[in-house]
Amino acid sequence: MNDLKQESCPRCGNQKLKSWDELTDDEKILVVKLPLSADYKIEERRRNLWCARCWHEFDSYAETTT
């Protein structure tokens, strides 16, 4: 998973992927409001990675788009 953090987003190609700890407070609020948050608890999603530009989300086990 650490290698994934160094790559650019495959959807938009511009931003490096961020872990929960790398997101700003405002970005964390957005993540909580994304559609996937209705299906999974935020505790489960904290292990995922996000693109802060297009909000493409990468599940820790499988790629998931939002």
PDB file of N, CA and C in Angstrom:
ATOM      1  N   MET A   1       0.825  -1.185   0.000  1.00  0.00           N
ATOM      2  CA  MET A   1       0.000   0.000   0.000  1.00  0.00           C
ATOM      3  C   MET A   1       0.870   1.249   0.000  1.00  0.00           C
ATOM      4  N   ASN A   2       2.020   1.242   0.594  1.00  0.00           N
ATOM      5  CA  ASN A   2       2.886   2.413   0.603  1.00  0.00           C
ATOM      6  C   ASN A   2       3.316   2.805  -0.797  1.00  0.00           C
ATOM      7  N   ASP A   3       3.519   1.835  -1.696  1.00  0.00           N
ATOM      8  CA  ASP A   3       3.882   2.157  -3.068  1.00  0.00           C
ATOM      9  C   ASP A   3       2.769   2.911  -3.774  1.00  0.00           C
ATOM     10  N   LEU A   4       1.530   2.577  -3.457  1.00  0.00           N
ATOM     11  CA  LEU A   4       0.385   3.238  -4.065  1.00  0.00           C
ATOM     12  C   LEU A   4       0.381   4.733  -3.734  1.00  0.00           C
ATOM     13  N   LYS A   5       0.817   5.103  -2.541  1.00  0.00           N
ATOM     14  CA  LYS A   5       0.794   6.500  -2.111  1.00  0.00           C
ATOM     15  C   LYS A   5       1.702   7.369  -2.971  1.00  0.00           C
ATOM     16  N   GLN A   6       2.708   6.779  -3.594  1.00  0.00           N
ATOM     17  CA  GLN A   6       3.647   7.537  -4.394  1.00  0.00           C
ATOM     18  C   GLN A   6       3.160   7.754  -5.825  1.00  0.00           C
ATOM     19  N   GLU A   7       2.177   6.991  -6.258  1.00  0.00           N
ATOM     20  CA  GLU A   7       1.678   7.092  -7.629  1.00  0.00           C
ATOM     21  C   GLU A   7       0.645   8.202  -7.749  1.00  0.00           C
ATOM     22  N   SER A   8       0.460   8.662  -8.969  1.00  0.00           N
ATOM     23  CA  SER A   8      -0.597   9.627  -9.209  1.00  0.00           C
ATOM     24  C   SER A   8      -1.916   8.884  -9.379  1.00  0.00           C
ATOM     25  N   CYS A   9      -2.991   9.598  -9.258  1.00  0.00           N
ATOM     26  CA  CYS A   9      -4.329   9.015  -9.354  1.00  0.00           C
ATOM     27  C   CYS A   9      -4.588   8.523 -10.784  1.00  0.00           C
ATOM     28  N   PRO A  10      -5.058   7.289 -10.959  1.00  0.00           N
ATOM     29  CA  PRO A  10      -5.334   6.796 -12.307  1.00  0.00           C
ATOM     30  C   PRO A  10      -6.545   7.472 -12.945  1.00  0.00           C
ATOM     31  N   ARG A  11      -7.400   8.088 -12.149  1.00  0.00           N
ATOM     32  CA  ARG A  11      -8.583   8.753 -12.692  1.00  0.00           C
ATOM     33  C   ARG A  11      -8.238  10.132 -13.246  1.00  0.00           C
ATOM     34  N   CYS A  12      -7.555  10.965 -12.448  1.00  0.00           N
ATOM     35  CA  CYS A  12      -7.266  12.331 -12.892  1.00  0.00           C
ATOM     36  C   CYS A  12      -5.793  12.546 -13.216  1.00  0.00           C
ATOM     37  N   GLY A  13      -4.918  11.692 -12.692  1.00  0.00           N
ATOM     38  CA  GLY A  13      -3.502  11.752 -13.005  1.00  0.00           C
ATOM     39  C   GLY A  13      -2.721  12.884 -12.366  1.00  0.00           C
ATOM     40  N   ASN A  14      -3.303  13.651 -11.485  1.00  0.00           N
ATOM     41  CA  ASN A  14      -2.616  14.836 -10.976  1.00  0.00           C
ATOM     42  C   ASN A  14      -2.123  14.765  -9.538  1.00  0.00           C
ATOM     43  N   GLN A  15      -2.838  14.146  -8.673  1.00  0.00           N
ATOM     44  CA  GLN A  15      -2.494  14.205  -7.259  1.00  0.00           C
ATOM     45  C   GLN A  15      -1.950  12.882  -6.754  1.00  0.00           C
ATOM     46  N   LYS A  16      -1.037  12.952  -5.807  1.00  0.00           N
ATOM     47  CA  LYS A  16      -0.627  11.725  -5.129  1.00  0.00           C
ATOM     48  C   LYS A  16      -1.761  11.338  -4.186  1.00  0.00           C
ATOM     49  N   LEU A  17      -1.886  10.067  -3.932  1.00  0.00           N
ATOM     50  CA  LEU A  17      -2.944   9.585  -3.064  1.00  0.00           C
ATOM     51  C   LEU A  17      -2.596   9.873  -1.614  1.00  0.00           C
ATOM     52  N   LYS A  18      -3.620  10.206  -0.827  1.00  0.00           N
ATOM     53  CA  LYS A  18      -3.410  10.564   0.568  1.00  0.00           C
ATOM     54  C   LYS A  18      -4.052   9.544   1.492  1.00  0.00           C
ATOM     55  N   SER A  19      -3.376   9.279   2.595  1.00  0.00           N
ATOM     56  CA  SER A  19      -3.952   8.444   3.641  1.00  0.00           C
ATOM     57  C   SER A  19      -4.834   9.333   4.525  1.00  0.00           C
ATOM     58  N   TRP A  20      -5.557   8.723   5.446  1.00  0.00           N
ATOM     59  CA  TRP A  20      -6.422   9.471   6.356  1.00  0.00           C
ATOM     60  C   TRP A  20      -5.627  10.529   7.113  1.00  0.00           C
ATOM     61  N   ASP A  21      -4.443  10.168   7.589  1.00  0.00           N
ATOM     62  CA  ASP A  21      -3.624  11.098   8.371  1.00  0.00           C
ATOM     63  C   ASP A  21      -3.108  12.278   7.556  1.00  0.00           C
ATOM     64  N   GLU A  22      -3.005  12.118   6.258  1.00  0.00           N
ATOM     65  CA  GLU A  22      -2.516  13.194   5.388  1.00  0.00           C
ATOM     66  C   GLU A  22      -3.621  14.165   4.966  1.00  0.00           C
ATOM     67  N   LEU A  23      -4.883  13.780   5.143  1.00  0.00           N
ATOM     68  CA  LEU A  23      -5.998  14.655   4.760  1.00  0.00           C
ATOM     69  C   LEU A  23      -6.134  15.801   5.753  1.00  0.00           C
ATOM     70  N   THR A  24      -6.532  16.966   5.242  1.00  0.00           N
ATOM     71  CA  THR A  24      -6.818  18.101   6.131  1.00  0.00           C
ATOM     72  C   THR A  24      -8.167  17.862   6.798  1.00  0.00           C
ATOM     73  N   ASP A  25      -8.499  18.667   7.784  1.00  0.00           N
ATOM     74  CA  ASP A  25      -9.792  18.529   8.456  1.00  0.00           C
ATOM     75  C   ASP A  25     -10.941  18.709   7.471  1.00  0.00           C
ATOM     76  N   ASP A  26     -10.818  19.677   6.570  1.00  0.00           N
ATOM     77  CA  ASP A  26     -11.865  19.907   5.565  1.00  0.00           C
ATOM     78  C   ASP A  26     -12.001  18.714   4.624  1.00  0.00           C
ATOM     79  N   GLU A  27     -10.887  18.127   4.237  1.00  0.00           N
ATOM     80  CA  GLU A  27     -10.918  16.963   3.354  1.00  0.00           C
ATOM     81  C   GLU A  27     -11.548  15.763   4.055  1.00  0.00           C
ATOM     82  N   LYS A  28     -11.293  15.613   5.343  1.00  0.00           N
ATOM     83  CA  LYS A  28     -11.900  14.516   6.105  1.00  0.00           C
ATOM     84  C   LYS A  28     -13.415  14.667   6.148  1.00  0.00           C
ATOM     85  N   ILE A  29     -13.901  15.886   6.270  1.00  0.00           N
ATOM     86  CA  ILE A  29     -15.344  16.128   6.252  1.00  0.00           C
ATOM     87  C   ILE A  29     -15.925  15.691   4.921  1.00  0.00           C
ATOM     88  N   LEU A  30     -15.252  16.014   3.821  1.00  0.00           N
ATOM     89  CA  LEU A  30     -15.715  15.595   2.506  1.00  0.00           C
ATOM     90  C   LEU A  30     -15.735  14.073   2.373  1.00  0.00           C
ATOM     91  N   VAL A  31     -14.713  13.415   2.870  1.00  0.00           N
ATOM     92  CA  VAL A  31     -14.647  11.954   2.796  1.00  0.00           C
ATOM     93  C   VAL A  31     -15.833  11.326   3.521  1.00  0.00           C
ATOM     94  N   VAL A  32     -16.175  11.865   4.667  1.00  0.00           N
ATOM     95  CA  VAL A  32     -17.295  11.336   5.442  1.00  0.00           C
ATOM     96  C   VAL A  32     -18.607  11.482   4.668  1.00  0.00           C
ATOM     97  N   LYS A  33     -18.706  12.508   3.831  1.00  0.00           N
ATOM     98  CA  LYS A  33     -19.930  12.759   3.078  1.00  0.00           C
ATOM     99  C   LYS A  33     -19.983  12.065   1.717  1.00  0.00           C
ATOM    100  N   LEU A  34     -18.891  11.421   1.306  1.00  0.00           N
ATOM    101  CA  LEU A  34     -18.887  10.713   0.025  1.00  0.00           C
ATOM    102  C   LEU A  34     -19.883   9.550   0.056  1.00  0.00           C
ATOM    103  N   PRO A  35     -20.402   9.155  -1.106  1.00  0.00           N
ATOM    104  CA  PRO A  35     -21.416   8.090  -1.168  1.00  0.00           C
ATOM    105  C   PRO A  35     -21.011   6.785  -0.501  1.00  0.00           C
ATOM    106  N   LEU A  36     -19.757   6.396  -0.592  1.00  0.00           N
ATOM    107  CA  LEU A  36     -19.318   5.135  -0.003  1.00  0.00           C
ATOM    108  C   LEU A  36     -19.478   5.133   1.514  1.00  0.00           C
ATOM    109  N   SER A  37     -19.515   6.304   2.124  1.00  0.00           N
ATOM    110  CA  SER A  37     -19.619   6.370   3.580  1.00  0.00           C
ATOM    111  C   SER A  37     -20.955   5.840   4.085  1.00  0.00           C
ATOM    112  N   ALA A  38     -21.960   5.757   3.235  1.00  0.00           N
ATOM    113  CA  ALA A  38     -23.252   5.211   3.633  1.00  0.00           C
ATOM    114  C   ALA A  38     -23.185   3.696   3.811  1.00  0.00           C
ATOM    115  N   ASP A  39     -22.256   3.056   3.124  1.00  0.00           N
ATOM    116  CA  ASP A  39     -22.147   1.600   3.168  1.00  0.00           C
ATOM    117  C   ASP A  39     -21.127   1.079   4.177  1.00  0.00           C
ATOM    118  N   TYR A  40     -20.158   1.909   4.541  1.00  0.00           N
ATOM    119  CA  TYR A  40     -19.073   1.472   5.418  1.00  0.00           C
ATOM    120  C   TYR A  40     -18.857   2.471   6.539  1.00  0.00           C
ATOM    121  N   LYS A  41     -18.447   1.973   7.691  1.00  0.00           N
ATOM    122  CA  LYS A  41     -18.132   2.855   8.817  1.00  0.00           C
ATOM    123  C   LYS A  41     -16.834   3.586   8.525  1.00  0.00           C
ATOM    124  N   ILE A  42     -16.721   4.796   9.037  1.00  0.00           N
ATOM    125  CA  ILE A  42     -15.525   5.609   8.794  1.00  0.00           C
ATOM    126  C   ILE A  42     -14.285   4.925   9.365  1.00  0.00           C
ATOM    127  N   GLU A  43     -14.448   4.152  10.425  1.00  0.00           N
ATOM    128  CA  GLU A  43     -13.297   3.434  10.987  1.00  0.00           C
ATOM    129  C   GLU A  43     -12.710   2.469   9.963  1.00  0.00           C
ATOM    130  N   GLU A  44     -13.570   1.832   9.162  1.00  0.00           N
ATOM    131  CA  GLU A  44     -13.112   0.915   8.125  1.00  0.00           C
ATOM    132  C   GLU A  44     -12.454   1.668   6.981  1.00  0.00           C
ATOM    133  N   ARG A  45     -12.946   2.851   6.675  1.00  0.00           N
ATOM    134  CA  ARG A  45     -12.469   3.619   5.539  1.00  0.00           C
ATOM    135  C   ARG A  45     -11.180   4.385   5.829  1.00  0.00           C
ATOM    136  N   ARG A  46     -10.806   4.515   7.082  1.00  0.00           N
ATOM    137  CA  ARG A  46      -9.579   5.252   7.436  1.00  0.00           C
ATOM    138  C   ARG A  46      -8.329   4.580   6.904  1.00  0.00           C
ATOM    139  N   ARG A  47      -8.413   3.310   6.543  1.00  0.00           N
ATOM    140  CA  ARG A  47      -7.246   2.621   5.988  1.00  0.00           C
ATOM    141  C   ARG A  47      -7.138   2.826   4.480  1.00  0.00           C
ATOM    142  N   ASN A  48      -8.130   3.454   3.875  1.00  0.00           N
ATOM    143  CA  ASN A  48      -8.138   3.696   2.434  1.00  0.00           C
ATOM    144  C   ASN A  48      -7.277   4.882   2.052  1.00  0.00           C
ATOM    145  N   LEU A  49      -7.075   5.043   0.756  1.00  0.00           N
ATOM    146  CA  LEU A  49      -6.335   6.179   0.208  1.00  0.00           C
ATOM    147  C   LEU A  49      -7.265   6.966  -0.701  1.00  0.00           C
ATOM    148  N   TRP A  50      -7.055   8.290  -0.774  1.00  0.00           N
ATOM    149  CA  TRP A  50      -7.903   9.157  -1.584  1.00  0.00           C
ATOM    150  C   TRP A  50      -7.078  10.086  -2.439  1.00  0.00           C
ATOM    151  N   CYS A  51      -7.654  10.472  -3.573  1.00  0.00           N
ATOM    152  CA  CYS A  51      -7.114  11.555  -4.374  1.00  0.00           C
ATOM    153  C   CYS A  51      -7.877  12.804  -3.938  1.00  0.00           C
ATOM    154  N   ALA A  52      -7.169  13.796  -3.452  1.00  0.00           N
ATOM    155  CA  ALA A  52      -7.829  15.012  -2.956  1.00  0.00           C
ATOM    156  C   ALA A  52      -8.326  15.914  -4.076  1.00  0.00           C
ATOM    157  N   ARG A  53      -8.077  15.552  -5.314  1.00  0.00           N
ATOM    158  CA  ARG A  53      -8.571  16.361  -6.434  1.00  0.00           C
ATOM    159  C   ARG A  53      -9.904  15.830  -6.959  1.00  0.00           C
ATOM    160  N   CYS A  54      -9.975  14.528  -7.261  1.00  0.00           N
ATOM    161  CA  CYS A  54     -11.210  13.975  -7.834  1.00  0.00           C
ATOM    162  C   CYS A  54     -11.946  13.052  -6.869  1.00  0.00           C
ATOM    163  N   TRP A  55     -11.367  12.787  -5.702  1.00  0.00           N
ATOM    164  CA  TRP A  55     -11.930  11.959  -4.635  1.00  0.00           C
ATOM    165  C   TRP A  55     -12.091  10.500  -5.026  1.00  0.00           C
ATOM    166  N   HIS A  56     -11.236  10.050  -5.922  1.00  0.00           N
ATOM    167  CA  HIS A  56     -11.151   8.623  -6.232  1.00  0.00           C
ATOM    168  C   HIS A  56     -10.644   7.943  -4.969  1.00  0.00           C
ATOM    169  N   GLU A  57     -11.325   6.896  -4.549  1.00  0.00           N
ATOM    170  CA  GLU A  57     -10.967   6.219  -3.304  1.00  0.00           C
ATOM    171  C   GLU A  57     -10.426   4.828  -3.591  1.00  0.00           C
ATOM    172  N   PHE A  58      -9.354   4.478  -2.897  1.00  0.00           N
ATOM    173  CA  PHE A  58      -8.737   3.173  -3.051  1.00  0.00           C
ATOM    174  C   PHE A  58      -8.907   2.397  -1.758  1.00  0.00           C
ATOM    175  N   ASP A  59      -9.657   1.314  -1.831  1.00  0.00           N
ATOM    176  CA  ASP A  59      -9.859   0.417  -0.706  1.00  0.00           C
ATOM    177  C   ASP A  59      -8.516  -0.249  -0.390  1.00  0.00           C
ATOM    178  N   SER A  60      -8.299  -0.616   0.841  1.00  0.00           N
ATOM    179  CA  SER A  60      -7.036  -1.237   1.215  1.00  0.00           C
ATOM    180  C   SER A  60      -6.864  -2.622   0.596  1.00  0.00           C
ATOM    181  N   TYR A  61      -7.957  -3.266   0.183  1.00  0.00           N
ATOM    182  CA  TYR A  61      -7.879  -4.588  -0.425  1.00  0.00           C
ATOM    183  C   TYR A  61      -8.225  -4.583  -1.909  1.00  0.00           C
ATOM    184  N   ALA A  62      -9.135  -3.719  -2.301  1.00  0.00           N
ATOM    185  CA  ALA A  62      -9.566  -3.653  -3.698  1.00  0.00           C
ATOM    186  C   ALA A  62      -9.852  -2.209  -4.054  1.00  0.00           C
ATOM    187  N   GLU A  63      -9.635  -1.858  -5.317  1.00  0.00           N
ATOM    188  CA  GLU A  63      -9.881  -0.491  -5.755  1.00  0.00           C
ATOM    189  C   GLU A  63     -11.373  -0.221  -5.797  1.00  0.00           C
ATOM    190  N   THR A  64     -11.784   0.925  -5.233  1.00  0.00           N
ATOM    191  CA  THR A  64     -13.190   1.312  -5.192  1.00  0.00           C
ATOM    192  C   THR A  64     -13.299   2.758  -5.634  1.00  0.00           C
ATOM    193  N   THR A  65     -14.160   3.033  -6.565  1.00  0.00           N
ATOM    194  CA  THR A  65     -14.357   4.419  -6.985  1.00  0.00           C
ATOM    195  C   THR A  65     -15.597   4.974  -6.326  1.00  0.00           C
ATOM    196  N   THR A  66     -15.575   6.270  -6.075  1.00  0.00           N
ATOM    197  CA  THR A  66     -16.726   6.950  -5.472  1.00  0.00           C
ATOM    198  C   THR A  66     -17.206   8.025  -6.389  1.00  0.00           C
TER     199      THR A  66
END
